[in-house]
Amino acid sequence: MSIYVWLVALIQLGVPMAVISWLMFNWLYGAGQLPREAGHKAIREHLTFLRKRHKTHKSKNGNYLYKQWLFFGGGFYGLAVLWTLLVIEVGELVGLIANFDLAAWFADGVLSLVLNVIVSQFGNIITALLWFAYWPEDGGGAIVAWVITAYGGYLFGIHFARERETLHSISDLVSKNKWKRRGE
């Protein structure tokens, strides 16, 4: 594996995993749902508890990304699936906007359009569940680099969220910036 493969993996998967991991765990620490001193085993156990609670108490309120993360299993794998699905969906949305053709959408009828959307969504979810095969362009041996880079980003995000001050909500961020601008 070349340095280029590792660099691409770091940019496309490692850094985003670190950022999303930081956001999720920052939110968990700030909400008091996870103690900062928890080790990796305790984090795994607590995520299992949260996932079970999420399945039994389907709430319509709350953080959308957090709920999707738990839906995909929470933890590292769930975060990798969530990031991959976001990349796929945003890519398709950009393609849809760039190649907008209303007549082509409805050429086969409304029912066909609805069925195509449903099948496409199902395919996107399956592809995201197989995220480790989606990312490497050449497949094969490069999968190891992508998985290691993704897991490293995930661990870095957890560590950074644990060690830094929590920004639990946007209002916390705004109020902190307001105090800084006033010079207090």
N, C-alpha and C. Protein backbone atom coordinates (compact mmCIF):
# COMPACT_ATOMS: atom_id res chain seq x y z
N MET A 1 0.84 -1.18 0.00
CA MET A 1 0.00 0.00 0.00
C MET A 1 0.89 1.24 0.00
N SER A 2 0.52 2.17 -0.81
CA SER A 2 1.32 3.38 -0.94
C SER A 2 0.89 4.44 0.06
N ILE A 3 1.71 5.43 0.19
CA ILE A 3 1.40 6.57 1.05
C ILE A 3 0.16 7.29 0.51
N TYR A 4 0.02 7.29 -0.79
CA TYR A 4 -1.14 7.94 -1.42
C TYR A 4 -2.45 7.31 -0.92
N VAL A 5 -2.52 5.99 -0.84
CA VAL A 5 -3.72 5.30 -0.37
C VAL A 5 -4.03 5.73 1.07
N TRP A 6 -3.00 5.76 1.92
CA TRP A 6 -3.20 6.16 3.31
C TRP A 6 -3.65 7.61 3.40
N LEU A 7 -3.08 8.48 2.56
CA LEU A 7 -3.45 9.90 2.59
C LEU A 7 -4.90 10.10 2.15
N VAL A 8 -5.30 9.43 1.08
CA VAL A 8 -6.68 9.53 0.60
C VAL A 8 -7.64 8.97 1.65
N ALA A 9 -7.27 7.86 2.26
CA ALA A 9 -8.11 7.27 3.31
C ALA A 9 -8.24 8.22 4.50
N LEU A 10 -7.16 8.87 4.84
CA LEU A 10 -7.19 9.82 5.96
C LEU A 10 -8.11 11.00 5.66
N ILE A 11 -8.02 11.53 4.44
CA ILE A 11 -8.82 12.70 4.07
C ILE A 11 -10.30 12.33 3.91
N GLN A 12 -10.59 11.23 3.22
CA GLN A 12 -11.97 10.89 2.92
C GLN A 12 -12.70 10.18 4.05
N LEU A 13 -11.95 9.48 4.91
CA LEU A 13 -12.63 8.68 5.93
C LEU A 13 -12.10 8.96 7.34
N GLY A 14 -10.80 9.07 7.51
CA GLY A 14 -10.23 9.24 8.85
C GLY A 14 -10.63 10.55 9.52
N VAL A 15 -10.44 11.66 8.81
CA VAL A 15 -10.78 12.96 9.38
C VAL A 15 -12.29 13.11 9.60
N PRO A 16 -13.12 12.76 8.61
CA PRO A 16 -14.56 12.84 8.88
C PRO A 16 -15.01 11.95 10.05
N MET A 17 -14.44 10.77 10.17
CA MET A 17 -14.78 9.90 11.30
C MET A 17 -14.38 10.56 12.62
N ALA A 18 -13.23 11.23 12.64
CA ALA A 18 -12.80 11.91 13.86
C ALA A 18 -13.77 13.04 14.21
N VAL A 19 -14.19 13.80 13.22
CA VAL A 19 -15.10 14.92 13.46
C VAL A 19 -16.46 14.43 13.94
N ILE A 20 -17.01 13.43 13.24
CA ILE A 20 -18.33 12.92 13.63
C ILE A 20 -18.27 12.22 14.98
N SER A 21 -17.20 11.49 15.21
CA SER A 21 -17.02 10.83 16.51
C SER A 21 -16.94 11.87 17.61
N TRP A 22 -16.21 12.94 17.37
CA TRP A 22 -16.11 14.01 18.36
C TRP A 22 -17.49 14.61 18.61
N LEU A 23 -18.25 14.86 17.55
CA LEU A 23 -19.59 15.44 17.73
C LEU A 23 -20.49 14.52 18.56
N MET A 24 -20.51 13.24 18.22
CA MET A 24 -21.38 12.30 18.93
C MET A 24 -20.98 12.15 20.39
N PHE A 25 -19.71 11.94 20.64
CA PHE A 25 -19.28 11.73 22.01
C PHE A 25 -19.28 13.03 22.81
N ASN A 26 -19.04 14.14 22.16
CA ASN A 26 -19.15 15.43 22.83
C ASN A 26 -20.59 15.62 23.30
N TRP A 27 -21.52 15.24 22.46
CA TRP A 27 -22.93 15.34 22.83
C TRP A 27 -23.25 14.41 23.99
N LEU A 28 -22.75 13.17 23.94
CA LEU A 28 -23.01 12.21 25.02
C LEU A 28 -22.40 12.68 26.34
N TYR A 29 -21.17 13.18 26.31
CA TYR A 29 -20.54 13.67 27.53
C TYR A 29 -21.27 14.90 28.07
N GLY A 30 -21.64 15.80 27.17
CA GLY A 30 -22.33 17.02 27.59
C GLY A 30 -23.71 16.77 28.15
N ALA A 31 -24.38 15.75 27.63
CA ALA A 31 -25.73 15.42 28.10
C ALA A 31 -25.68 14.60 29.40
N GLY A 32 -24.47 14.23 29.82
CA GLY A 32 -24.34 13.43 31.03
C GLY A 32 -24.70 11.97 30.82
N GLN A 33 -24.78 11.54 29.57
CA GLN A 33 -25.15 10.15 29.28
C GLN A 33 -23.95 9.22 29.30
N LEU A 34 -22.76 9.79 29.36
CA LEU A 34 -21.54 8.99 29.36
C LEU A 34 -20.51 9.68 30.25
N PRO A 35 -19.98 8.97 31.23
CA PRO A 35 -18.96 9.60 32.09
C PRO A 35 -17.64 9.76 31.33
N ARG A 36 -16.98 10.89 31.53
CA ARG A 36 -15.73 11.19 30.82
C ARG A 36 -14.62 10.19 31.15
N GLU A 37 -14.65 9.62 32.33
CA GLU A 37 -13.57 8.69 32.71
C GLU A 37 -13.79 7.28 32.20
N ALA A 38 -14.87 7.04 31.45
CA ALA A 38 -15.18 5.70 30.95
C ALA A 38 -14.12 5.26 29.94
N GLY A 39 -13.69 4.02 30.08
CA GLY A 39 -12.75 3.43 29.12
C GLY A 39 -13.50 2.88 27.92
N HIS A 40 -12.76 2.28 27.00
CA HIS A 40 -13.39 1.78 25.77
C HIS A 40 -14.40 0.67 26.03
N LYS A 41 -14.12 -0.20 26.99
CA LYS A 41 -15.05 -1.28 27.30
C LYS A 41 -16.34 -0.70 27.90
N ALA A 42 -16.19 0.26 28.80
CA ALA A 42 -17.37 0.89 29.41
C ALA A 42 -18.17 1.67 28.36
N ILE A 43 -17.48 2.30 27.43
CA ILE A 43 -18.16 3.03 26.36
C ILE A 43 -18.98 2.05 25.52
N ARG A 44 -18.37 0.92 25.15
CA ARG A 44 -19.08 -0.10 24.36
C ARG A 44 -20.32 -0.59 25.10
N GLU A 45 -20.18 -0.87 26.40
CA GLU A 45 -21.32 -1.34 27.18
C GLU A 45 -22.41 -0.29 27.28
N HIS A 46 -21.99 0.96 27.46
CA HIS A 46 -22.97 2.04 27.57
C HIS A 46 -23.69 2.27 26.23
N LEU A 47 -22.95 2.17 25.13
CA LEU A 47 -23.59 2.31 23.82
C LEU A 47 -24.58 1.18 23.57
N THR A 48 -24.27 -0.01 24.04
CA THR A 48 -25.21 -1.14 23.92
C THR A 48 -26.49 -0.83 24.69
N PHE A 49 -26.33 -0.28 25.89
CA PHE A 49 -27.49 0.12 26.70
C PHE A 49 -28.30 1.20 25.98
N LEU A 50 -27.63 2.22 25.44
CA LEU A 50 -28.33 3.30 24.74
C LEU A 50 -29.06 2.78 23.50
N ARG A 51 -28.44 1.85 22.78
CA ARG A 51 -29.05 1.27 21.59
C ARG A 51 -30.32 0.51 21.96
N LYS A 52 -30.27 -0.28 23.03
CA LYS A 52 -31.46 -1.02 23.49
C LYS A 52 -32.56 -0.05 23.92
N ARG A 53 -32.16 1.00 24.64
CA ARG A 53 -33.14 1.98 25.09
C ARG A 53 -33.76 2.72 23.90
N HIS A 54 -32.93 2.99 22.90
CA HIS A 54 -33.42 3.68 21.69
C HIS A 54 -34.45 2.82 20.95
N LYS A 55 -34.21 1.50 20.90
CA LYS A 55 -35.14 0.60 20.21
C LYS A 55 -36.49 0.52 20.91
N THR A 56 -36.48 0.57 22.24
CA THR A 56 -37.73 0.44 22.98
C THR A 56 -38.45 1.76 23.16
N HIS A 57 -37.74 2.87 23.14
CA HIS A 57 -38.35 4.19 23.34
C HIS A 57 -38.10 5.05 22.11
N LYS A 58 -38.79 4.75 21.04
CA LYS A 58 -38.62 5.52 19.80
C LYS A 58 -39.11 6.95 20.01
N SER A 59 -38.18 7.88 20.14
CA SER A 59 -38.52 9.27 20.35
C SER A 59 -38.47 10.02 19.02
N LYS A 60 -39.42 10.90 18.81
CA LYS A 60 -39.42 11.72 17.61
C LYS A 60 -38.60 12.98 17.81
N ASN A 61 -38.27 13.30 19.04
CA ASN A 61 -37.48 14.49 19.34
C ASN A 61 -36.02 14.10 19.50
N GLY A 62 -35.15 15.07 19.38
CA GLY A 62 -33.74 14.81 19.65
C GLY A 62 -32.86 14.96 18.43
N ASN A 63 -31.62 14.62 18.61
CA ASN A 63 -30.59 14.76 17.61
C ASN A 63 -30.77 13.71 16.52
N TYR A 64 -31.02 14.14 15.30
CA TYR A 64 -31.29 13.22 14.19
C TYR A 64 -30.08 12.32 13.90
N LEU A 65 -28.89 12.91 13.82
CA LEU A 65 -27.70 12.11 13.54
C LEU A 65 -27.44 11.08 14.64
N TYR A 66 -27.67 11.48 15.87
CA TYR A 66 -27.49 10.57 17.00
C TYR A 66 -28.44 9.37 16.89
N LYS A 67 -29.69 9.64 16.53
CA LYS A 67 -30.67 8.55 16.39
C LYS A 67 -30.30 7.63 15.24
N GLN A 68 -29.82 8.19 14.14
CA GLN A 68 -29.40 7.36 13.01
C GLN A 68 -28.18 6.53 13.37
N TRP A 69 -27.26 7.12 14.11
CA TRP A 69 -26.06 6.41 14.56
C TRP A 69 -26.46 5.19 15.40
N LEU A 70 -27.37 5.38 16.33
CA LEU A 70 -27.84 4.26 17.15
C LEU A 70 -28.60 3.24 16.30
N PHE A 71 -29.35 3.71 15.32
CA PHE A 71 -30.07 2.80 14.44
C PHE A 71 -29.11 1.87 13.71
N PHE A 72 -27.96 2.39 13.31
CA PHE A 72 -26.97 1.58 12.61
C PHE A 72 -26.04 0.84 13.56
N GLY A 73 -26.36 0.82 14.83
CA GLY A 73 -25.61 0.01 15.77
C GLY A 73 -24.76 0.79 16.74
N GLY A 74 -24.62 2.10 16.56
CA GLY A 74 -23.77 2.87 17.45
C GLY A 74 -22.32 2.44 17.31
N GLY A 75 -21.46 3.03 18.05
CA GLY A 75 -20.06 2.65 18.03
C GLY A 75 -19.38 2.95 16.71
N PHE A 76 -18.25 2.31 16.51
CA PHE A 76 -17.43 2.54 15.32
C PHE A 76 -18.16 2.16 14.04
N TYR A 77 -18.68 0.96 13.99
CA TYR A 77 -19.31 0.49 12.76
C TYR A 77 -20.50 1.36 12.38
N GLY A 78 -21.33 1.70 13.35
CA GLY A 78 -22.49 2.54 13.09
C GLY A 78 -22.11 3.91 12.56
N LEU A 79 -21.01 4.45 13.09
CA LEU A 79 -20.55 5.75 12.63
C LEU A 79 -20.00 5.67 11.21
N ALA A 80 -19.30 4.60 10.90
CA ALA A 80 -18.78 4.41 9.54
C ALA A 80 -19.93 4.25 8.54
N VAL A 81 -20.96 3.52 8.92
CA VAL A 81 -22.13 3.36 8.06
C VAL A 81 -22.82 4.70 7.86
N LEU A 82 -23.00 5.45 8.95
CA LEU A 82 -23.67 6.75 8.87
C LEU A 82 -22.90 7.70 7.95
N TRP A 83 -21.57 7.79 8.09
CA TRP A 83 -20.78 8.68 7.25
C TRP A 83 -20.86 8.25 5.78
N THR A 84 -20.76 6.96 5.53
CA THR A 84 -20.83 6.47 4.16
C THR A 84 -22.19 6.77 3.54
N LEU A 85 -23.25 6.57 4.30
CA LEU A 85 -24.59 6.86 3.79
C LEU A 85 -24.75 8.34 3.50
N LEU A 86 -24.23 9.20 4.36
CA LEU A 86 -24.30 10.64 4.11
C LEU A 86 -23.56 11.01 2.83
N VAL A 87 -22.38 10.43 2.61
CA VAL A 87 -21.61 10.72 1.40
C VAL A 87 -22.37 10.26 0.16
N ILE A 88 -22.94 9.07 0.22
CA ILE A 88 -23.69 8.54 -0.92
C ILE A 88 -24.91 9.42 -1.22
N GLU A 89 -25.67 9.75 -0.17
CA GLU A 89 -26.89 10.52 -0.36
C GLU A 89 -26.60 11.93 -0.87
N VAL A 90 -25.60 12.58 -0.31
CA VAL A 90 -25.25 13.93 -0.77
C VAL A 90 -24.76 13.88 -2.21
N GLY A 91 -23.97 12.86 -2.55
CA GLY A 91 -23.52 12.70 -3.93
C GLY A 91 -24.67 12.53 -4.90
N GLU A 92 -25.65 11.74 -4.51
CA GLU A 92 -26.82 11.55 -5.36
C GLU A 92 -27.65 12.83 -5.47
N LEU A 93 -27.76 13.58 -4.38
CA LEU A 93 -28.50 14.84 -4.41
C LEU A 93 -27.83 15.84 -5.34
N VAL A 94 -26.51 15.94 -5.26
CA VAL A 94 -25.77 16.85 -6.13
C VAL A 94 -25.95 16.42 -7.60
N GLY A 95 -25.87 15.12 -7.85
CA GLY A 95 -26.08 14.61 -9.21
C GLY A 95 -27.48 14.88 -9.71
N LEU A 96 -28.46 14.77 -8.83
CA LEU A 96 -29.84 15.03 -9.18
C LEU A 96 -30.03 16.50 -9.56
N ILE A 97 -29.44 17.38 -8.78
CA ILE A 97 -29.57 18.81 -9.05
C ILE A 97 -28.81 19.19 -10.32
N ALA A 98 -27.63 18.62 -10.50
CA ALA A 98 -26.81 18.95 -11.68
C ALA A 98 -27.44 18.44 -12.97
N ASN A 99 -28.14 17.33 -12.91
CA ASN A 99 -28.74 16.72 -14.10
C ASN A 99 -30.26 16.74 -14.01
N PHE A 100 -30.82 17.83 -13.57
CA PHE A 100 -32.25 17.95 -13.35
C PHE A 100 -33.01 17.80 -14.66
N ASP A 101 -33.89 16.78 -14.72
CA ASP A 101 -34.71 16.54 -15.91
C ASP A 101 -36.06 15.98 -15.44
N LEU A 102 -36.98 16.86 -15.23
CA LEU A 102 -38.30 16.49 -14.70
C LEU A 102 -39.03 15.52 -15.63
N ALA A 103 -38.91 15.73 -16.92
CA ALA A 103 -39.61 14.86 -17.88
C ALA A 103 -39.08 13.42 -17.79
N ALA A 104 -37.78 13.25 -17.60
CA ALA A 104 -37.18 11.92 -17.50
C ALA A 104 -37.64 11.20 -16.23
N TRP A 105 -37.84 11.95 -15.17
CA TRP A 105 -38.30 11.35 -13.91
C TRP A 105 -39.65 10.68 -14.08
N PHE A 106 -40.55 11.38 -14.74
CA PHE A 106 -41.93 10.90 -14.87
C PHE A 106 -42.19 10.19 -16.19
N ALA A 107 -41.15 9.88 -16.95
CA ALA A 107 -41.33 9.24 -18.26
C ALA A 107 -42.03 7.89 -18.14
N ASP A 108 -41.73 7.15 -17.11
CA ASP A 108 -42.34 5.83 -16.92
C ASP A 108 -43.51 5.85 -15.95
N GLY A 109 -43.88 7.01 -15.48
CA GLY A 109 -45.02 7.14 -14.58
C GLY A 109 -44.61 7.38 -13.14
N VAL A 110 -45.56 7.80 -12.35
CA VAL A 110 -45.32 8.14 -10.95
C VAL A 110 -44.97 6.90 -10.14
N LEU A 111 -45.66 5.80 -10.38
CA LEU A 111 -45.40 4.57 -9.63
C LEU A 111 -43.97 4.09 -9.86
N SER A 112 -43.53 4.15 -11.09
CA SER A 112 -42.16 3.75 -11.41
C SER A 112 -41.15 4.65 -10.70
N LEU A 113 -41.44 5.94 -10.64
CA LEU A 113 -40.56 6.88 -9.95
C LEU A 113 -40.46 6.53 -8.47
N VAL A 114 -41.59 6.27 -7.84
CA VAL A 114 -41.61 5.94 -6.42
C VAL A 114 -40.86 4.63 -6.17
N LEU A 115 -41.09 3.63 -7.00
CA LEU A 115 -40.39 2.35 -6.84
C LEU A 115 -38.88 2.52 -7.04
N ASN A 116 -38.48 3.33 -8.01
CA ASN A 116 -37.05 3.58 -8.24
C ASN A 116 -36.40 4.26 -7.05
N VAL A 117 -37.10 5.20 -6.43
CA VAL A 117 -36.56 5.88 -5.25
C VAL A 117 -36.40 4.89 -4.10
N ILE A 118 -37.40 4.05 -3.88
CA ILE A 118 -37.34 3.07 -2.79
C ILE A 118 -36.21 2.08 -3.01
N VAL A 119 -36.09 1.56 -4.21
CA VAL A 119 -35.02 0.61 -4.52
C VAL A 119 -33.65 1.28 -4.38
N SER A 120 -33.55 2.52 -4.83
CA SER A 120 -32.29 3.26 -4.72
C SER A 120 -31.90 3.46 -3.25
N GLN A 121 -32.86 3.82 -2.42
CA GLN A 121 -32.59 4.01 -0.98
C GLN A 121 -32.13 2.70 -0.34
N PHE A 122 -32.80 1.63 -0.67
CA PHE A 122 -32.43 0.32 -0.14
C PHE A 122 -31.01 -0.04 -0.58
N GLY A 123 -30.70 0.21 -1.83
CA GLY A 123 -29.35 -0.04 -2.34
C GLY A 123 -28.30 0.82 -1.65
N ASN A 124 -28.64 2.07 -1.37
CA ASN A 124 -27.71 2.96 -0.67
C ASN A 124 -27.44 2.47 0.75
N ILE A 125 -28.45 1.98 1.41
CA ILE A 125 -28.27 1.46 2.77
C ILE A 125 -27.40 0.21 2.76
N ILE A 126 -27.63 -0.67 1.81
CA ILE A 126 -26.81 -1.89 1.69
C ILE A 126 -25.36 -1.51 1.41
N THR A 127 -25.16 -0.56 0.51
CA THR A 127 -23.80 -0.11 0.20
C THR A 127 -23.14 0.50 1.43
N ALA A 128 -23.88 1.29 2.19
CA ALA A 128 -23.33 1.90 3.39
C ALA A 128 -22.99 0.85 4.44
N LEU A 129 -23.81 -0.19 4.54
CA LEU A 129 -23.52 -1.27 5.49
C LEU A 129 -22.23 -1.99 5.13
N LEU A 130 -21.88 -1.96 3.85
CA LEU A 130 -20.63 -2.56 3.38
C LEU A 130 -19.60 -1.45 3.13
N TRP A 131 -19.53 -0.48 4.05
CA TRP A 131 -18.70 0.71 3.89
C TRP A 131 -17.24 0.38 3.61
N PHE A 132 -16.73 -0.67 4.20
CA PHE A 132 -15.32 -1.03 4.04
C PHE A 132 -15.00 -1.43 2.60
N ALA A 133 -15.99 -1.82 1.83
CA ALA A 133 -15.79 -2.13 0.41
C ALA A 133 -16.11 -0.93 -0.48
N TYR A 134 -16.87 0.02 0.04
CA TYR A 134 -17.26 1.21 -0.74
C TYR A 134 -16.08 2.16 -0.94
N TRP A 135 -15.31 2.38 0.10
CA TRP A 135 -14.29 3.42 0.07
C TRP A 135 -13.06 3.11 -0.77
N PRO A 136 -12.43 1.97 -0.65
CA PRO A 136 -11.21 1.74 -1.45
C PRO A 136 -11.52 1.67 -2.94
N GLU A 137 -10.77 2.44 -3.71
CA GLU A 137 -11.01 2.46 -5.15
C GLU A 137 -10.50 1.20 -5.81
N ASP A 138 -9.40 0.65 -5.29
CA ASP A 138 -8.83 -0.54 -5.92
C ASP A 138 -9.19 -1.83 -5.20
N GLY A 139 -9.92 -1.70 -4.07
CA GLY A 139 -10.35 -2.88 -3.31
C GLY A 139 -9.18 -3.67 -2.77
N GLY A 140 -9.39 -4.96 -2.59
CA GLY A 140 -8.32 -5.85 -2.16
C GLY A 140 -7.59 -5.43 -0.91
N GLY A 141 -6.26 -5.31 -1.03
CA GLY A 141 -5.41 -5.03 0.11
C GLY A 141 -5.58 -3.65 0.70
N ALA A 142 -6.16 -2.72 -0.05
CA ALA A 142 -6.33 -1.36 0.45
C ALA A 142 -7.39 -1.27 1.55
N ILE A 143 -8.22 -2.28 1.67
CA ILE A 143 -9.27 -2.26 2.69
C ILE A 143 -8.66 -2.09 4.08
N VAL A 144 -7.53 -2.70 4.31
CA VAL A 144 -6.86 -2.62 5.61
C VAL A 144 -6.53 -1.17 5.95
N ALA A 145 -6.00 -0.43 5.00
CA ALA A 145 -5.66 0.98 5.23
C ALA A 145 -6.89 1.79 5.56
N TRP A 146 -7.98 1.55 4.86
CA TRP A 146 -9.21 2.30 5.09
C TRP A 146 -9.82 1.99 6.45
N VAL A 147 -9.82 0.73 6.83
CA VAL A 147 -10.40 0.35 8.12
C VAL A 147 -9.54 0.91 9.26
N ILE A 148 -8.23 0.79 9.15
CA ILE A 148 -7.34 1.31 10.20
C ILE A 148 -7.47 2.82 10.32
N THR A 149 -7.52 3.50 9.19
CA THR A 149 -7.65 4.96 9.20
C THR A 149 -8.99 5.38 9.81
N ALA A 150 -10.05 4.68 9.44
CA ALA A 150 -11.38 5.01 9.98
C ALA A 150 -11.42 4.78 11.49
N TYR A 151 -10.87 3.66 11.94
CA TYR A 151 -10.90 3.36 13.37
C TYR A 151 -10.01 4.34 14.14
N GLY A 152 -8.89 4.70 13.57
CA GLY A 152 -8.02 5.70 14.20
C GLY A 152 -8.73 7.03 14.35
N GLY A 153 -9.46 7.46 13.31
CA GLY A 153 -10.23 8.70 13.39
C GLY A 153 -11.30 8.62 14.45
N TYR A 154 -11.97 7.48 14.53
CA TYR A 154 -13.01 7.26 15.53
C TYR A 154 -12.43 7.39 16.94
N LEU A 155 -11.30 6.72 17.19
CA LEU A 155 -10.67 6.79 18.52
C LEU A 155 -10.18 8.19 18.84
N PHE A 156 -9.63 8.88 17.84
CA PHE A 156 -9.17 10.25 18.05
C PHE A 156 -10.33 11.15 18.43
N GLY A 157 -11.46 10.99 17.75
CA GLY A 157 -12.64 11.80 18.07
C GLY A 157 -13.14 11.56 19.48
N ILE A 158 -13.14 10.30 19.91
CA ILE A 158 -13.55 9.98 21.29
C ILE A 158 -12.60 10.64 22.28
N HIS A 159 -11.31 10.49 22.04
CA HIS A 159 -10.30 11.04 22.94
C HIS A 159 -10.42 12.57 23.01
N PHE A 160 -10.58 13.21 21.86
CA PHE A 160 -10.67 14.66 21.83
C PHE A 160 -11.94 15.14 22.54
N ALA A 161 -13.05 14.43 22.38
CA ALA A 161 -14.30 14.80 23.06
C ALA A 161 -14.16 14.62 24.56
N ARG A 162 -13.44 13.60 24.98
CA ARG A 162 -13.27 13.32 26.40
C ARG A 162 -12.39 14.39 27.06
N GLU A 163 -11.38 14.85 26.36
CA GLU A 163 -10.39 15.76 26.94
C GLU A 163 -10.76 17.23 26.85
N ARG A 164 -11.68 17.57 26.03
CA ARG A 164 -12.03 18.98 25.81
C ARG A 164 -13.33 19.35 26.50
N GLU A 165 -13.52 20.65 26.64
CA GLU A 165 -14.74 21.17 27.22
C GLU A 165 -15.91 20.85 26.29
N THR A 166 -17.04 20.53 26.85
CA THR A 166 -18.19 20.11 26.07
C THR A 166 -18.99 21.31 25.59
N LEU A 167 -19.38 21.25 24.33
CA LEU A 167 -20.30 22.23 23.77
C LEU A 167 -21.60 21.47 23.53
N HIS A 168 -22.39 21.36 24.57
CA HIS A 168 -23.56 20.47 24.52
C HIS A 168 -24.62 20.94 23.53
N SER A 169 -24.74 22.22 23.37
CA SER A 169 -25.77 22.68 22.44
C SER A 169 -25.28 23.94 21.74
N ILE A 170 -25.97 24.32 20.73
CA ILE A 170 -25.63 25.53 19.99
C ILE A 170 -25.73 26.75 20.90
N SER A 171 -26.68 26.74 21.82
CA SER A 171 -26.82 27.88 22.72
C SER A 171 -25.58 28.03 23.61
N ASP A 172 -24.98 26.91 24.01
CA ASP A 172 -23.73 26.99 24.78
C ASP A 172 -22.65 27.65 23.95
N LEU A 173 -22.55 27.27 22.69
CA LEU A 173 -21.54 27.83 21.80
C LEU A 173 -21.77 29.32 21.60
N VAL A 174 -23.01 29.72 21.37
CA VAL A 174 -23.33 31.12 21.15
C VAL A 174 -23.04 31.93 22.40
N SER A 175 -23.45 31.42 23.56
CA SER A 175 -23.23 32.18 24.79
C SER A 175 -21.74 32.29 25.11
N LYS A 176 -20.94 31.26 24.82
CA LYS A 176 -19.51 31.33 25.05
C LYS A 176 -18.86 32.36 24.14
N ASN A 177 -19.30 32.41 22.88
CA ASN A 177 -18.75 33.40 21.95
C ASN A 177 -19.19 34.81 22.30
N LYS A 178 -20.41 34.96 22.84
CA LYS A 178 -20.90 36.24 23.24
C LYS A 178 -20.03 36.82 24.36
N TRP A 179 -19.67 35.96 25.34
CA TRP A 179 -18.83 36.41 26.44
C TRP A 179 -17.43 36.77 25.95
N LYS A 180 -16.92 36.03 24.99
CA LYS A 180 -15.59 36.32 24.45
C LYS A 180 -15.59 37.66 23.71
N ARG A 181 -16.64 37.94 22.96
CA ARG A 181 -16.71 39.21 22.21
C ARG A 181 -16.83 40.40 23.14
N ARG A 182 -17.48 40.23 24.27
CA ARG A 182 -17.63 41.33 25.23
C ARG A 182 -16.35 41.55 26.02
N GLY A 183 -15.43 40.61 25.93
CA GLY A 183 -14.18 40.76 26.65
C GLY A 183 -14.25 40.31 28.10
N GLU A 184 -15.24 39.55 28.43
CA GLU A 184 -15.42 39.12 29.82
C GLU A 184 -14.82 37.76 30.04
